[in-house]
Amino acid sequence: ADRDERRGRETEREGRVMTAESKKRLTRPTRPDRSQLDAQIEKLRTQISKCHDKMGELKNKIDNIKEGRKGQGSATSGPRNKLIALRTELKGLFEEQNGIRT
């Protein structure tokens, strides 16, 4: 009883008064159900993995298109080299012709 009186005085000094309601023991809140949270997390993880897969596919398509452009150069490089050789030969002939005229 003496201890309760001291507590009452201490709380009165702090500006709080202990009432019968505040003396009741507070019940600890119940823990939330972890299974719902885990289900939500798993759902989000699957969505994330789908997005990563789709991004990977798109990156592969882009890389294939880029490689395809480079590959076309190799397919047409033979005729292109022949054309360059003909141009240089023609240029040489024009220079030779201009040299004769002057």
N, C-alpha and C. Protein backbone atom coordinates (compact mmCIF):
# COMPACT_ATOMS: atom_id res chain seq x y z
N ALA A 1 0.83 -1.19 0.00
CA ALA A 1 0.00 0.00 0.00
C ALA A 1 0.87 1.25 0.00
N ASP A 2 1.97 1.21 0.76
CA ASP A 2 2.87 2.36 0.82
C ASP A 2 3.51 2.63 -0.55
N ARG A 3 3.81 1.53 -1.21
CA ARG A 3 4.42 1.65 -2.55
C ARG A 3 3.46 2.30 -3.53
N ASP A 4 2.18 1.93 -3.50
CA ASP A 4 1.19 2.51 -4.39
C ASP A 4 1.03 4.00 -4.11
N GLU A 5 1.11 4.39 -2.84
CA GLU A 5 0.99 5.81 -2.50
C GLU A 5 2.16 6.59 -3.08
N ARG A 6 3.38 6.01 -2.99
CA ARG A 6 4.56 6.70 -3.54
C ARG A 6 4.43 6.85 -5.06
N ARG A 7 3.94 5.79 -5.69
CA ARG A 7 3.74 5.86 -7.14
C ARG A 7 2.73 6.94 -7.49
N GLY A 8 1.67 7.00 -6.74
CA GLY A 8 0.64 8.00 -6.98
C GLY A 8 1.21 9.40 -6.86
N ARG A 9 2.06 9.61 -5.84
CA ARG A 9 2.67 10.92 -5.67
C ARG A 9 3.62 11.24 -6.83
N GLU A 10 4.38 10.21 -7.24
CA GLU A 10 5.32 10.43 -8.35
C GLU A 10 4.58 10.81 -9.63
N THR A 11 3.49 10.12 -9.91
CA THR A 11 2.76 10.43 -11.13
C THR A 11 2.04 11.76 -11.00
N GLU A 12 1.63 12.13 -9.80
CA GLU A 12 1.01 13.43 -9.61
C GLU A 12 2.02 14.53 -9.88
N ARG A 13 3.27 14.32 -9.47
CA ARG A 13 4.31 15.30 -9.72
C ARG A 13 4.54 15.48 -11.22
N GLU A 14 4.46 14.39 -11.94
CA GLU A 14 4.66 14.45 -13.39
C GLU A 14 3.44 14.99 -14.11
N GLY A 15 2.37 15.20 -13.43
CA GLY A 15 1.16 15.72 -14.04
C GLY A 15 0.21 14.65 -14.49
N ARG A 16 0.51 13.41 -14.15
CA ARG A 16 -0.39 12.32 -14.52
C ARG A 16 -1.02 11.75 -13.26
N VAL A 17 -2.24 11.36 -13.39
CA VAL A 17 -2.93 10.74 -12.26
C VAL A 17 -3.29 9.33 -12.67
N MET A 18 -2.92 8.37 -11.84
CA MET A 18 -3.23 6.98 -12.13
C MET A 18 -4.70 6.74 -11.81
N THR A 19 -5.42 6.30 -12.80
CA THR A 19 -6.82 5.98 -12.61
C THR A 19 -6.96 4.47 -12.62
N ALA A 20 -8.15 4.02 -12.34
CA ALA A 20 -8.40 2.58 -12.31
C ALA A 20 -8.20 1.99 -13.70
N GLU A 21 -8.58 2.75 -14.74
CA GLU A 21 -8.43 2.25 -16.11
C GLU A 21 -6.96 2.15 -16.50
N SER A 22 -6.16 3.13 -16.09
CA SER A 22 -4.75 3.10 -16.47
C SER A 22 -3.98 2.07 -15.66
N LYS A 23 -4.52 1.65 -14.52
CA LYS A 23 -3.85 0.63 -13.72
C LYS A 23 -4.06 -0.76 -14.29
N LYS A 24 -5.09 -0.92 -15.14
CA LYS A 24 -5.33 -2.23 -15.74
C LYS A 24 -4.13 -2.60 -16.60
N ARG A 25 -3.84 -3.85 -16.62
CA ARG A 25 -2.71 -4.33 -17.42
C ARG A 25 -3.10 -4.29 -18.90
N LEU A 26 -2.24 -3.68 -19.68
CA LEU A 26 -2.48 -3.60 -21.12
C LEU A 26 -2.24 -4.95 -21.75
N THR A 27 -3.13 -5.31 -22.66
CA THR A 27 -2.95 -6.60 -23.35
C THR A 27 -2.03 -6.39 -24.54
N ARG A 28 -1.19 -7.33 -24.73
CA ARG A 28 -0.24 -7.29 -25.85
C ARG A 28 -1.00 -7.53 -27.15
N PRO A 29 -0.74 -6.74 -28.18
CA PRO A 29 -1.46 -6.97 -29.44
C PRO A 29 -1.07 -8.32 -30.03
N THR A 30 -2.01 -8.91 -30.73
CA THR A 30 -1.73 -10.21 -31.34
C THR A 30 -0.85 -10.02 -32.56
N ARG A 31 -0.03 -11.00 -32.81
CA ARG A 31 0.85 -10.93 -33.97
C ARG A 31 0.02 -11.11 -35.23
N PRO A 32 0.34 -10.34 -36.27
CA PRO A 32 -0.40 -10.52 -37.52
C PRO A 32 -0.06 -11.86 -38.15
N ASP A 33 -0.97 -12.33 -38.98
CA ASP A 33 -0.79 -13.62 -39.63
C ASP A 33 0.31 -13.49 -40.70
N ARG A 34 1.37 -14.21 -40.51
CA ARG A 34 2.53 -14.13 -41.41
C ARG A 34 2.23 -14.75 -42.78
N SER A 35 1.28 -15.68 -42.84
CA SER A 35 1.02 -16.38 -44.11
C SER A 35 0.48 -15.41 -45.16
N GLN A 36 -0.36 -14.44 -44.75
CA GLN A 36 -0.87 -13.47 -45.71
C GLN A 36 0.28 -12.62 -46.25
N LEU A 37 1.14 -12.17 -45.37
CA LEU A 37 2.28 -11.36 -45.78
C LEU A 37 3.20 -12.15 -46.71
N ASP A 38 3.44 -13.41 -46.36
CA ASP A 38 4.29 -14.24 -47.21
C ASP A 38 3.66 -14.45 -48.59
N ALA A 39 2.34 -14.60 -48.64
CA ALA A 39 1.66 -14.78 -49.92
C ALA A 39 1.80 -13.52 -50.78
N GLN A 40 1.65 -12.36 -50.15
CA GLN A 40 1.81 -11.10 -50.88
C GLN A 40 3.24 -10.95 -51.39
N ILE A 41 4.20 -11.29 -50.56
CA ILE A 41 5.60 -11.19 -50.96
C ILE A 41 5.89 -12.13 -52.13
N GLU A 42 5.39 -13.34 -52.06
CA GLU A 42 5.62 -14.31 -53.14
C GLU A 42 4.98 -13.84 -54.44
N LYS A 43 3.78 -13.26 -54.34
CA LYS A 43 3.09 -12.74 -55.52
C LYS A 43 3.92 -11.63 -56.16
N LEU A 44 4.45 -10.72 -55.34
CA LEU A 44 5.27 -9.63 -55.85
C LEU A 44 6.57 -10.16 -56.45
N ARG A 45 7.15 -11.16 -55.83
CA ARG A 45 8.40 -11.74 -56.37
C ARG A 45 8.17 -12.37 -57.73
N THR A 46 7.02 -13.04 -57.90
CA THR A 46 6.75 -13.64 -59.21
C THR A 46 6.54 -12.56 -60.26
N GLN A 47 5.87 -11.48 -59.88
CA GLN A 47 5.69 -10.37 -60.83
C GLN A 47 7.04 -9.77 -61.20
N ILE A 48 7.92 -9.61 -60.23
CA ILE A 48 9.25 -9.06 -60.49
C ILE A 48 10.02 -9.98 -61.42
N SER A 49 9.96 -11.28 -61.17
CA SER A 49 10.71 -12.21 -62.02
C SER A 49 10.15 -12.21 -63.44
N LYS A 50 8.83 -12.07 -63.59
CA LYS A 50 8.25 -11.99 -64.93
C LYS A 50 8.76 -10.75 -65.65
N CYS A 51 8.82 -9.63 -64.93
CA CYS A 51 9.31 -8.40 -65.53
C CYS A 51 10.78 -8.54 -65.93
N HIS A 52 11.58 -9.19 -65.09
CA HIS A 52 12.99 -9.40 -65.42
C HIS A 52 13.12 -10.29 -66.66
N ASP A 53 12.29 -11.32 -66.74
CA ASP A 53 12.33 -12.20 -67.90
C ASP A 53 11.96 -11.44 -69.17
N LYS A 54 10.93 -10.62 -69.09
CA LYS A 54 10.50 -9.84 -70.25
C LYS A 54 11.59 -8.85 -70.66
N MET A 55 12.24 -8.23 -69.68
CA MET A 55 13.33 -7.31 -69.99
C MET A 55 14.48 -8.04 -70.67
N GLY A 56 14.78 -9.25 -70.20
CA GLY A 56 15.83 -10.05 -70.82
C GLY A 56 15.51 -10.40 -72.26
N GLU A 57 14.25 -10.75 -72.52
CA GLU A 57 13.84 -11.06 -73.88
C GLU A 57 13.98 -9.83 -74.78
N LEU A 58 13.54 -8.68 -74.27
CA LEU A 58 13.65 -7.46 -75.07
C LEU A 58 15.11 -7.10 -75.34
N LYS A 59 15.96 -7.27 -74.33
CA LYS A 59 17.39 -7.00 -74.54
C LYS A 59 17.97 -7.93 -75.60
N ASN A 60 17.56 -9.20 -75.57
CA ASN A 60 18.04 -10.15 -76.57
C ASN A 60 17.58 -9.75 -77.96
N LYS A 61 16.32 -9.31 -78.08
CA LYS A 61 15.82 -8.86 -79.39
C LYS A 61 16.62 -7.67 -79.89
N ILE A 62 16.88 -6.73 -79.00
CA ILE A 62 17.64 -5.54 -79.39
C ILE A 62 19.05 -5.93 -79.81
N ASP A 63 19.68 -6.82 -79.04
CA ASP A 63 21.03 -7.27 -79.39
C ASP A 63 21.03 -8.00 -80.73
N ASN A 64 20.00 -8.82 -80.97
CA ASN A 64 19.92 -9.53 -82.24
C ASN A 64 19.76 -8.57 -83.40
N ILE A 65 18.97 -7.53 -83.20
CA ILE A 65 18.80 -6.53 -84.26
C ILE A 65 20.12 -5.82 -84.53
N LYS A 66 20.82 -5.47 -83.46
CA LYS A 66 22.11 -4.80 -83.62
C LYS A 66 23.11 -5.71 -84.33
N GLU A 67 23.13 -6.98 -83.93
CA GLU A 67 24.04 -7.94 -84.56
C GLU A 67 23.64 -8.18 -86.01
N GLY A 68 22.34 -8.16 -86.27
CA GLY A 68 21.85 -8.34 -87.63
C GLY A 68 22.33 -7.24 -88.54
N ARG A 69 22.36 -6.04 -88.01
CA ARG A 69 22.85 -4.91 -88.81
C ARG A 69 24.33 -5.07 -89.12
N LYS A 70 25.06 -5.54 -88.11
CA LYS A 70 26.49 -5.77 -88.33
C LYS A 70 26.69 -6.94 -89.30
N GLY A 71 25.84 -7.95 -89.18
CA GLY A 71 25.95 -9.13 -90.03
C GLY A 71 25.68 -8.81 -91.49
N GLN A 72 24.79 -7.87 -91.75
CA GLN A 72 24.51 -7.50 -93.13
C GLN A 72 25.76 -6.93 -93.78
N GLY A 73 26.54 -6.20 -93.01
CA GLY A 73 27.78 -5.64 -93.54
C GLY A 73 28.73 -6.73 -94.00
N SER A 74 28.77 -7.83 -93.26
CA SER A 74 29.66 -8.92 -93.66
C SER A 74 29.13 -9.63 -94.90
N ALA A 75 27.81 -9.68 -95.04
CA ALA A 75 27.23 -10.35 -96.21
C ALA A 75 27.44 -9.52 -97.47
N THR A 76 27.47 -8.21 -97.35
CA THR A 76 27.63 -7.34 -98.51
C THR A 76 29.04 -6.80 -98.63
N SER A 77 29.93 -7.28 -97.77
CA SER A 77 31.29 -6.73 -97.80
C SER A 77 32.04 -7.11 -99.09
N GLY A 78 31.79 -8.29 -99.62
CA GLY A 78 32.45 -8.71 -100.87
C GLY A 78 32.11 -7.79 -102.04
N PRO A 79 30.83 -7.61 -102.34
CA PRO A 79 30.48 -6.69 -103.43
C PRO A 79 30.91 -5.25 -103.14
N ARG A 80 30.83 -4.85 -101.86
CA ARG A 80 31.24 -3.49 -101.52
C ARG A 80 32.73 -3.29 -101.79
N ASN A 81 33.55 -4.28 -101.45
CA ASN A 81 34.99 -4.19 -101.71
C ASN A 81 35.28 -4.11 -103.20
N LYS A 82 34.53 -4.88 -104.00
CA LYS A 82 34.69 -4.82 -105.45
C LYS A 82 34.34 -3.43 -105.98
N LEU A 83 33.26 -2.86 -105.44
CA LEU A 83 32.84 -1.52 -105.85
C LEU A 83 33.90 -0.48 -105.49
N ILE A 84 34.47 -0.61 -104.31
CA ILE A 84 35.53 0.33 -103.90
C ILE A 84 36.74 0.20 -104.81
N ALA A 85 37.09 -1.04 -105.15
CA ALA A 85 38.23 -1.27 -106.05
C ALA A 85 37.96 -0.66 -107.42
N LEU A 86 36.75 -0.83 -107.94
CA LEU A 86 36.41 -0.25 -109.23
C LEU A 86 36.44 1.28 -109.19
N ARG A 87 35.97 1.87 -108.08
CA ARG A 87 35.99 3.32 -107.95
C ARG A 87 37.43 3.85 -107.95
N THR A 88 38.29 3.17 -107.19
CA THR A 88 39.69 3.63 -107.16
C THR A 88 40.34 3.47 -108.53
N GLU A 89 40.01 2.38 -109.22
CA GLU A 89 40.56 2.18 -110.57
C GLU A 89 40.04 3.27 -111.51
N LEU A 90 38.76 3.58 -111.43
CA LEU A 90 38.17 4.63 -112.28
C LEU A 90 38.80 5.99 -111.95
N LYS A 91 39.00 6.24 -110.66
CA LYS A 91 39.62 7.50 -110.25
C LYS A 91 41.04 7.61 -110.81
N GLY A 92 41.75 6.50 -110.75
CA GLY A 92 43.10 6.48 -111.31
C GLY A 92 43.09 6.74 -112.82
N LEU A 93 42.12 6.14 -113.52
CA LEU A 93 42.01 6.35 -114.96
C LEU A 93 41.69 7.82 -115.27
N PHE A 94 40.80 8.44 -114.48
CA PHE A 94 40.50 9.85 -114.69
C PHE A 94 41.73 10.72 -114.45
N GLU A 95 42.49 10.41 -113.43
CA GLU A 95 43.71 11.18 -113.16
C GLU A 95 44.71 11.02 -114.31
N GLU A 96 44.80 9.80 -114.82
CA GLU A 96 45.69 9.54 -115.94
C GLU A 96 45.23 10.31 -117.19
N GLN A 97 43.95 10.29 -117.42
CA GLN A 97 43.37 11.03 -118.55
C GLN A 97 43.62 12.52 -118.41
N ASN A 98 43.45 13.06 -117.19
CA ASN A 98 43.70 14.48 -116.96
C ASN A 98 45.20 14.80 -117.12
N GLY A 99 46.03 13.86 -116.78
CA GLY A 99 47.47 14.06 -116.96
C GLY A 99 47.86 14.13 -118.43
N ILE A 100 47.21 13.35 -119.27
CA ILE A 100 47.50 13.36 -120.71
C ILE A 100 47.02 14.67 -121.31
N ARG A 101 45.87 15.18 -120.90
CA ARG A 101 45.31 16.41 -121.46
C ARG A 101 46.15 17.63 -121.11
N THR A 102 46.78 17.63 -119.99
CA THR A 102 47.54 18.82 -119.62
C THR A 102 48.92 18.86 -120.13
